[in-house]
Amino acid sequence: MAQPTGYTRAQIALHWITLVLVALQYILHDSMSVAWAALIDGRDVVFNPLVAQHVATGALVAVLTFVRLGLRLNHGAPPPPASEHAALKIVAQATHWGFYALLILMPVSGAVAWFNSVEGAAQAHNVLKIALLALIALHVVAALVHQFIFKTNLMARMTRPVA
């Protein structure tokens, strides 16, 4: 398979949809934390639509991540800029695959914790949450550095699809 020059419309749409869904998970997580504490304390957990939203959105993120993986394996991904240092290419590759892993492991660990009351899975979920935030920060900083310091116009790949 030849390396594409950019991402497809579907790849770009899924990137931004995933961003919005993950942001919602972080913004609206308080109700889930309260419900989890009640569950672990043996108290009744009353229905809360934000808890249902958290569970459903987590499942959707996992499904969309598998779709994204399929698209990446079938279509590929554009190569990093030719002028990029080899170490940065390795970090970029590791970051992208790390995203896929975390975007699957987070919903799985959350589901195991919630549906089976497994505290270890909840602890793993919280550790993964921090790792995902770190990767997001690295990803954003790297995109901005490429755009404004290296001037590679790398960000255009996530706004302009290839045919």
Protein backbone atom coordinates (compact mmCIF):
# COMPACT_ATOMS: atom_id res chain seq x y z
CA MET A 1 0.00 0.00 0.00
CA ALA A 2 1.37 3.39 -0.99
CA GLN A 3 1.37 6.04 1.71
CA PRO A 4 -1.43 8.55 1.18
CA THR A 5 -0.73 12.26 0.96
CA GLY A 6 -3.45 13.07 3.48
CA TYR A 7 -6.37 11.78 5.51
CA THR A 8 -9.76 10.92 4.06
CA ARG A 9 -12.92 12.87 4.87
CA ALA A 10 -14.02 9.97 7.13
CA GLN A 11 -10.70 9.92 9.00
CA ILE A 12 -10.87 13.67 9.59
CA ALA A 13 -14.51 13.57 10.69
CA LEU A 14 -13.83 10.72 13.11
CA HIS A 15 -10.83 12.57 14.55
CA TRP A 16 -12.94 15.64 15.39
CA ILE A 17 -15.97 13.63 16.56
CA THR A 18 -13.71 11.66 18.89
CA LEU A 19 -12.24 14.91 20.21
CA VAL A 20 -15.72 16.23 21.07
CA LEU A 21 -16.81 12.96 22.69
CA VAL A 22 -13.65 12.68 24.79
CA ALA A 23 -13.96 16.33 25.86
CA LEU A 24 -17.55 15.63 26.97
CA GLN A 25 -16.33 12.67 29.01
CA TYR A 26 -13.91 14.87 30.93
CA ILE A 27 -16.32 17.80 31.31
CA LEU A 28 -19.36 15.76 32.41
CA HIS A 29 -17.64 13.14 34.59
CA ASP A 30 -18.73 14.48 38.01
CA SER A 31 -22.04 12.58 38.04
CA MET A 32 -20.20 9.37 37.22
CA SER A 33 -17.78 9.94 40.11
CA VAL A 34 -20.68 10.50 42.52
CA ALA A 35 -22.49 7.39 41.26
CA TRP A 36 -19.29 5.31 41.54
CA ALA A 37 -18.74 6.45 45.13
CA ALA A 38 -22.33 5.48 45.99
CA LEU A 39 -21.91 2.09 44.32
CA ILE A 40 -18.68 1.32 46.19
CA ASP A 41 -20.19 2.49 49.50
CA GLY A 42 -23.12 0.11 48.99
CA ARG A 43 -25.65 2.93 48.65
CA ASP A 44 -28.41 2.97 46.07
CA VAL A 45 -27.43 4.44 42.74
CA VAL A 46 -30.34 6.43 41.37
CA PHE A 47 -30.70 6.89 37.63
CA ASN A 48 -28.87 9.91 36.34
CA PRO A 49 -28.90 10.72 32.62
CA LEU A 50 -25.33 12.03 32.85
CA VAL A 51 -24.18 8.64 34.13
CA ALA A 52 -25.96 6.95 31.22
CA GLN A 53 -24.38 9.50 28.89
CA HIS A 54 -20.91 8.71 30.26
CA VAL A 55 -21.38 4.97 29.77
CA ALA A 56 -22.89 5.34 26.28
CA THR A 57 -20.31 7.86 25.12
CA GLY A 58 -17.48 5.66 26.37
CA ALA A 59 -18.86 2.75 24.37
CA LEU A 60 -19.23 5.00 21.31
CA VAL A 61 -15.62 6.18 21.64
CA ALA A 62 -14.44 2.55 21.66
CA VAL A 63 -16.54 1.67 18.60
CA LEU A 64 -15.38 4.75 16.68
CA THR A 65 -11.78 3.96 17.61
CA PHE A 66 -12.11 0.52 16.03
CA VAL A 67 -13.57 2.18 12.92
CA ARG A 68 -10.66 4.61 12.91
CA LEU A 69 -8.20 1.74 13.22
CA GLY A 70 -9.85 -0.03 10.30
CA LEU A 71 -9.62 3.10 8.17
CA ARG A 72 -6.00 3.61 9.11
CA LEU A 73 -5.10 0.02 8.31
CA ASN A 74 -6.98 0.15 4.98
CA HIS A 75 -6.16 3.69 3.85
CA GLY A 76 -2.99 4.36 5.80
CA ALA A 77 -1.78 7.66 7.16
CA PRO A 78 0.32 10.35 5.53
CA PRO A 79 4.02 10.28 6.34
CA PRO A 80 5.50 12.83 8.72
CA PRO A 81 7.26 15.80 7.14
CA ALA A 82 10.46 14.69 5.42
CA SER A 83 12.50 17.26 7.33
CA GLU A 84 11.35 15.93 10.72
CA HIS A 85 14.04 14.44 12.96
CA ALA A 86 13.89 10.63 13.22
CA ALA A 87 13.27 10.80 16.99
CA LEU A 88 10.22 13.01 16.47
CA LYS A 89 8.88 10.57 13.91
CA ILE A 90 9.13 7.78 16.47
CA VAL A 91 7.41 9.88 19.14
CA ALA A 92 4.62 10.78 16.69
CA GLN A 93 4.10 7.14 15.75
CA ALA A 94 4.05 6.05 19.41
CA THR A 95 1.64 8.85 20.29
CA HIS A 96 -0.84 7.89 17.57
CA TRP A 97 -0.82 4.21 18.51
CA GLY A 98 -0.99 5.20 22.17
CA PHE A 99 -4.18 7.11 21.41
CA TYR A 100 -5.75 4.05 19.83
CA ALA A 101 -4.80 1.90 22.81
CA LEU A 102 -6.08 4.39 25.39
CA LEU A 103 -9.31 5.10 23.50
CA ILE A 104 -10.08 1.38 23.69
CA LEU A 105 -8.68 0.60 27.14
CA MET A 106 -10.46 3.49 28.86
CA PRO A 107 -13.99 2.39 27.91
CA VAL A 108 -13.14 -1.25 28.62
CA SER A 109 -11.73 -0.48 32.07
CA GLY A 110 -14.66 1.83 32.80
CA ALA A 111 -17.19 -0.80 31.76
CA VAL A 112 -15.48 -3.50 33.83
CA ALA A 113 -15.43 -1.17 36.83
CA TRP A 114 -19.04 0.00 36.46
CA PHE A 115 -20.80 -3.21 35.49
CA ASN A 116 -18.78 -5.52 37.75
CA SER A 117 -17.88 -3.15 40.63
CA VAL A 118 -14.18 -3.86 40.15
CA GLU A 119 -12.20 -1.22 42.02
CA GLY A 120 -8.94 -2.20 40.31
CA ALA A 121 -10.50 -1.48 36.95
CA ALA A 122 -11.69 1.91 38.24
CA GLN A 123 -8.17 2.69 39.42
CA ALA A 124 -6.78 1.66 36.04
CA HIS A 125 -9.42 3.86 34.39
CA ASN A 126 -8.20 6.84 36.43
CA VAL A 127 -4.56 6.18 35.57
CA LEU A 128 -5.47 5.86 31.89
CA LYS A 129 -7.41 9.14 32.15
CA ILE A 130 -4.21 10.92 33.19
CA ALA A 131 -2.21 9.19 30.44
CA LEU A 132 -4.80 10.25 27.85
CA LEU A 133 -4.66 13.87 29.06
CA ALA A 134 -0.85 13.77 28.75
CA LEU A 135 -1.07 12.42 25.19
CA ILE A 136 -3.67 15.03 24.27
CA ALA A 137 -1.41 17.79 25.60
CA LEU A 138 1.58 16.37 23.71
CA HIS A 139 -0.49 16.07 20.52
CA VAL A 140 -1.77 19.65 20.71
CA VAL A 141 1.66 21.09 21.49
CA ALA A 142 3.25 19.08 18.66
CA ALA A 143 0.61 20.26 16.18
CA LEU A 144 1.14 23.89 17.21
CA VAL A 145 4.94 23.56 17.04
CA HIS A 146 4.67 22.06 13.56
CA GLN A 147 2.30 24.79 12.45
CA PHE A 148 3.96 27.87 13.91
CA ILE A 149 7.61 27.02 14.55
CA PHE A 150 8.51 24.35 11.97
CA LYS A 151 5.99 25.87 9.53
CA THR A 152 5.16 22.47 7.99
CA ASN A 153 1.43 23.26 7.66
CA LEU A 154 0.83 19.86 9.24
CA MET A 155 -2.53 20.93 10.69
CA ALA A 156 -3.99 21.21 7.20
CA ARG A 157 -4.04 17.42 7.05
CA MET A 158 -6.84 17.39 9.65
CA THR A 159 -8.88 20.04 7.86
CA ARG A 160 -8.45 19.25 4.14
CA PRO A 161 -9.27 15.70 3.06
CA VAL A 162 -7.60 13.95 0.16
CA ALA A 163 -9.85 12.80 -2.65
